[in-house]
């Protein structure tokens, strides 16, 4: 019988990974780190979440899926990645042509990122009426490692989404979520961040600077969630 379209949501969990292993994950020689990492997964028939997440290895996720579905036909695999691996910002680009935007991004963000842009993958979002384009950047080695490891397990990825972009982006609202270790926040369509909870005072000082310095301040929200 035909299988219903389903989406598999996976969350790559680096919470139990020490600093040395996290550094290794940022390199091309990090396949073992991903293979040993824990992921949480759940199936969403027709895009609707109806079950609790299960935790285990990538291989265990595949075995569970084969038991539950009998195969992977009609399955989108979406990975939610810890946002600390991703740089999120917005730039203003006059051109409406996607090709020109993609070519301009590395040069426009080089000074802001502080590392060699040749080793980074850039993903632009939609351009708004004012020419603002949301941009995500991540090290190519991280993307390649994740894609290769999920391919090896037999779960080819359909998409990778940073966790902070799973938060709502409503005008005039800032959203914060924490698990006691990491804090993710989204303050606009183009501005989102994932940090360690210890860095919260620094974040608050950036979001609510001295009121005497009013130039280039982001407008205060009418709601915090």
Protein backbone atom coordinates (compact mmCIF):
# COMPACT_ATOMS: atom_id res chain seq x y z
CA UNK A 1 0.00 0.00 0.00
CA UNK A 2 1.26 3.54 -0.59
CA UNK A 3 3.11 5.15 2.32
CA UNK A 4 1.87 8.50 3.58
CA UNK A 5 4.27 11.40 3.28
CA UNK A 6 6.11 11.85 6.56
CA UNK A 7 8.78 14.08 8.01
CA UNK A 8 11.47 12.87 10.39
CA UNK A 9 12.75 15.57 12.73
CA UNK A 10 16.22 14.89 14.16
CA UNK A 11 17.99 17.00 16.79
CA UNK A 12 21.76 16.52 16.94
CA UNK A 13 22.63 16.61 20.66
CA UNK A 14 26.14 17.80 21.60
CA UNK A 15 25.23 18.42 25.26
CA UNK A 16 27.32 15.52 26.53
CA UNK A 17 30.30 16.29 24.30
CA UNK A 18 33.43 17.70 25.92
CA UNK A 19 35.29 20.74 24.57
CA UNK A 20 37.90 18.66 22.77
CA UNK A 21 35.27 16.66 20.92
CA UNK A 22 33.36 19.82 20.04
CA UNK A 23 36.54 21.25 18.53
CA UNK A 24 36.98 18.05 16.52
CA UNK A 25 33.44 18.39 15.19
CA UNK A 26 34.46 21.67 13.57
CA UNK A 27 37.02 19.84 11.39
CA UNK A 28 36.73 17.51 8.43
CA UNK A 29 38.07 14.58 10.55
CA UNK A 30 35.04 14.41 12.81
CA UNK A 31 32.93 11.54 11.43
CA UNK A 32 33.36 9.49 14.62
CA UNK A 33 32.11 12.39 16.76
CA UNK A 34 28.84 12.51 14.83
CA UNK A 35 28.51 8.72 14.73
CA UNK A 36 28.80 8.55 18.54
CA UNK A 37 26.57 11.56 19.19
CA UNK A 38 23.02 11.21 20.44
CA UNK A 39 20.11 12.41 18.37
CA UNK A 40 16.47 12.86 19.23
CA UNK A 41 13.95 11.99 16.57
CA UNK A 42 10.24 11.82 15.96
CA UNK A 43 7.97 11.17 13.01
CA UNK A 44 5.48 13.77 11.85
CA UNK A 45 2.85 12.23 9.53
CA UNK A 46 1.63 14.88 7.08
CA UNK A 47 3.91 17.32 8.90
CA UNK A 48 2.01 17.01 12.21
CA UNK A 49 3.89 15.96 15.38
CA UNK A 50 1.88 13.34 17.29
CA UNK A 51 4.51 11.43 19.28
CA UNK A 52 7.21 12.02 21.87
CA UNK A 53 10.84 12.25 20.75
CA UNK A 54 13.09 9.21 21.08
CA UNK A 55 16.80 9.48 21.93
CA UNK A 56 19.59 7.30 20.57
CA UNK A 57 22.33 7.06 17.96
CA UNK A 58 21.83 7.78 14.27
CA UNK A 59 21.95 4.04 13.56
CA UNK A 60 19.30 3.40 16.21
CA UNK A 61 17.12 6.07 14.59
CA UNK A 62 17.36 4.22 11.27
CA UNK A 63 16.53 0.85 12.87
CA UNK A 64 13.52 2.40 14.62
CA UNK A 65 12.26 3.89 11.36
CA UNK A 66 12.61 0.61 9.48
CA UNK A 67 10.66 -1.16 12.21
CA UNK A 68 7.94 1.50 12.23
CA UNK A 69 7.59 2.14 8.48
CA UNK A 70 9.23 -0.76 6.71
CA UNK A 71 11.20 1.66 4.53
CA UNK A 72 12.13 5.29 3.94
CA UNK A 73 10.04 6.03 0.84
CA UNK A 74 8.16 9.32 1.18
CA UNK A 75 10.28 10.45 4.13
CA UNK A 76 11.86 13.90 4.51
CA UNK A 77 14.71 13.95 7.05
CA UNK A 78 15.14 17.38 8.68
CA UNK A 79 18.03 17.94 11.10
CA UNK A 80 17.76 20.62 13.77
CA UNK A 81 21.32 21.70 14.54
CA UNK A 82 22.50 23.51 17.65
CA UNK A 83 22.65 27.16 16.65
CA UNK A 84 26.08 27.69 18.21
CA UNK A 85 27.50 26.25 14.96
CA UNK A 86 25.69 28.89 12.90
CA UNK A 87 26.22 32.63 12.41
CA UNK A 88 23.00 34.55 11.76
CA UNK A 89 22.77 38.13 10.54
CA UNK A 90 21.17 40.40 7.94
CA UNK A 91 22.70 42.52 5.18
CA UNK A 92 21.30 45.08 2.79
CA UNK A 93 21.81 44.18 -0.88
CA UNK A 94 20.36 46.37 -3.64
CA UNK A 95 20.36 43.61 -6.26
CA UNK A 96 17.30 41.39 -6.60
CA UNK A 97 19.16 38.70 -8.54
CA UNK A 98 19.87 35.61 -6.46
CA UNK A 99 23.20 34.98 -8.23
CA UNK A 100 24.52 38.43 -7.36
CA UNK A 101 23.40 38.10 -3.74
CA UNK A 102 25.20 34.78 -3.33
CA UNK A 103 28.39 36.21 -4.85
CA UNK A 104 28.34 39.32 -2.64
CA UNK A 105 27.70 37.69 0.74
CA UNK A 106 31.21 36.37 1.57
CA UNK A 107 32.83 39.75 0.90
CA UNK A 108 30.17 41.70 2.80
CA UNK A 109 30.42 39.51 5.92
CA UNK A 110 34.14 38.76 6.02
CA UNK A 111 34.94 41.44 8.61
CA UNK A 112 31.96 40.52 10.81
CA UNK A 113 32.70 36.81 10.93
CA UNK A 114 36.42 37.05 11.63
CA UNK A 115 37.55 33.92 9.78
CA UNK A 116 38.35 32.76 6.27
CA UNK A 117 35.13 32.93 4.27
CA UNK A 118 36.47 30.29 1.87
CA UNK A 119 35.75 27.69 4.55
CA UNK A 120 32.18 28.86 5.13
CA UNK A 121 28.87 27.98 3.51
CA UNK A 122 26.43 30.90 3.15
CA UNK A 123 22.67 30.59 2.81
CA UNK A 124 20.67 33.74 2.00
CA UNK A 125 17.00 34.07 2.85
CA UNK A 126 14.32 36.06 1.10
CA UNK A 127 15.00 39.69 0.27
CA UNK A 128 12.45 42.11 1.73
CA UNK A 129 11.15 45.31 0.13
CA UNK A 130 13.94 47.35 1.75
CA UNK A 131 16.68 45.11 0.33
CA UNK A 132 17.43 43.33 3.62
CA UNK A 133 18.48 39.70 3.30
CA UNK A 134 18.77 37.29 6.20
CA UNK A 135 21.97 35.23 6.04
CA UNK A 136 23.14 32.05 7.74
CA UNK A 137 26.74 30.88 7.60
CA UNK A 138 28.29 27.65 8.83
CA UNK A 139 31.62 25.94 8.34
CA UNK A 140 31.60 23.74 5.27
CA UNK A 141 33.33 20.98 7.24
CA UNK A 142 30.38 20.80 9.64
CA UNK A 143 27.82 20.51 6.82
CA UNK A 144 29.90 17.94 4.97
CA UNK A 145 30.38 15.83 8.10
CA UNK A 146 26.68 15.83 8.98
CA UNK A 147 25.54 15.10 5.41
CA UNK A 148 28.08 12.30 4.99
CA UNK A 149 27.28 10.69 8.34
CA UNK A 150 23.53 10.69 7.79
CA UNK A 151 24.11 9.33 4.27
CA UNK A 152 26.25 6.57 5.76
CA UNK A 153 23.45 5.66 8.16
CA UNK A 154 20.97 5.53 5.28
CA UNK A 155 19.13 8.72 6.28
CA UNK A 156 19.94 11.34 3.61
CA UNK A 157 19.12 14.81 4.89
CA UNK A 158 16.47 16.92 3.22
CA UNK A 159 17.35 20.06 5.21
CA UNK A 160 19.44 21.36 8.12
CA UNK A 161 17.83 24.06 10.29
CA UNK A 162 19.52 25.90 13.21
CA UNK A 163 17.48 25.53 16.38
CA UNK A 164 16.92 29.26 16.94
CA UNK A 165 15.11 29.56 13.60
CA UNK A 166 12.49 27.15 14.94
CA UNK A 167 11.29 29.98 17.20
CA UNK A 168 8.49 32.24 15.97
CA UNK A 169 9.38 35.58 14.36
CA UNK A 170 6.49 37.91 15.17
CA UNK A 171 6.75 41.67 14.75
CA UNK A 172 7.38 43.40 18.07
CA UNK A 173 8.06 40.17 19.97
CA UNK A 174 11.30 38.62 21.21
CA UNK A 175 11.33 34.91 22.06
CA UNK A 176 13.75 33.18 24.45
CA UNK A 177 14.01 29.44 25.20
CA UNK A 178 16.52 27.70 27.49
CA UNK A 179 17.12 24.14 28.65
CA UNK A 180 19.27 25.29 31.56
CA UNK A 181 22.49 25.09 29.53
CA UNK A 182 21.87 26.74 26.16
CA UNK A 183 19.77 29.80 25.41
CA UNK A 184 18.23 30.40 22.01
CA UNK A 185 16.58 33.66 21.11
CA UNK A 186 14.91 35.27 18.13
CA UNK A 187 14.29 39.00 17.99
CA UNK A 188 13.19 39.43 14.37
CA UNK A 189 12.85 37.58 11.08
CA UNK A 190 16.57 38.04 10.41
CA UNK A 191 18.05 38.10 13.94
CA UNK A 192 18.47 34.90 15.98
CA UNK A 193 21.14 33.58 18.30
CA UNK A 194 22.18 30.48 20.26
CA UNK A 195 24.54 30.92 23.22
CA UNK A 196 25.53 29.29 26.49
CA UNK A 197 23.29 30.46 29.33
CA UNK A 198 26.31 31.92 31.16
CA UNK A 199 26.58 34.52 28.39
CA UNK A 200 23.07 35.87 29.05
CA UNK A 201 24.28 39.10 30.78
CA UNK A 202 26.34 39.96 27.69
CA UNK A 203 23.36 39.32 25.45
CA UNK A 204 21.07 41.48 27.58
CA UNK A 205 23.57 44.35 27.53
CA UNK A 206 23.63 44.13 23.75
CA UNK A 207 19.85 44.00 23.44
CA UNK A 208 19.20 46.71 26.03
CA UNK A 209 22.13 49.14 25.76
CA UNK A 210 22.48 52.45 27.55
CA UNK A 211 19.43 54.50 26.56
CA UNK A 212 21.65 57.55 26.09
CA UNK A 213 23.14 55.85 23.02
CA UNK A 214 20.11 55.75 20.79
CA UNK A 215 21.75 55.49 17.37
CA UNK A 216 21.23 52.17 15.52
CA UNK A 217 19.38 50.61 18.43
CA UNK A 218 16.95 47.82 17.71
CA UNK A 219 13.47 48.92 18.82
CA UNK A 220 12.40 47.41 22.14
CA UNK A 221 9.69 44.75 21.78
CA UNK A 222 6.19 45.06 23.15
CA UNK A 223 6.35 41.45 24.35
CA UNK A 224 8.97 38.98 25.65
CA UNK A 225 8.22 35.26 25.54
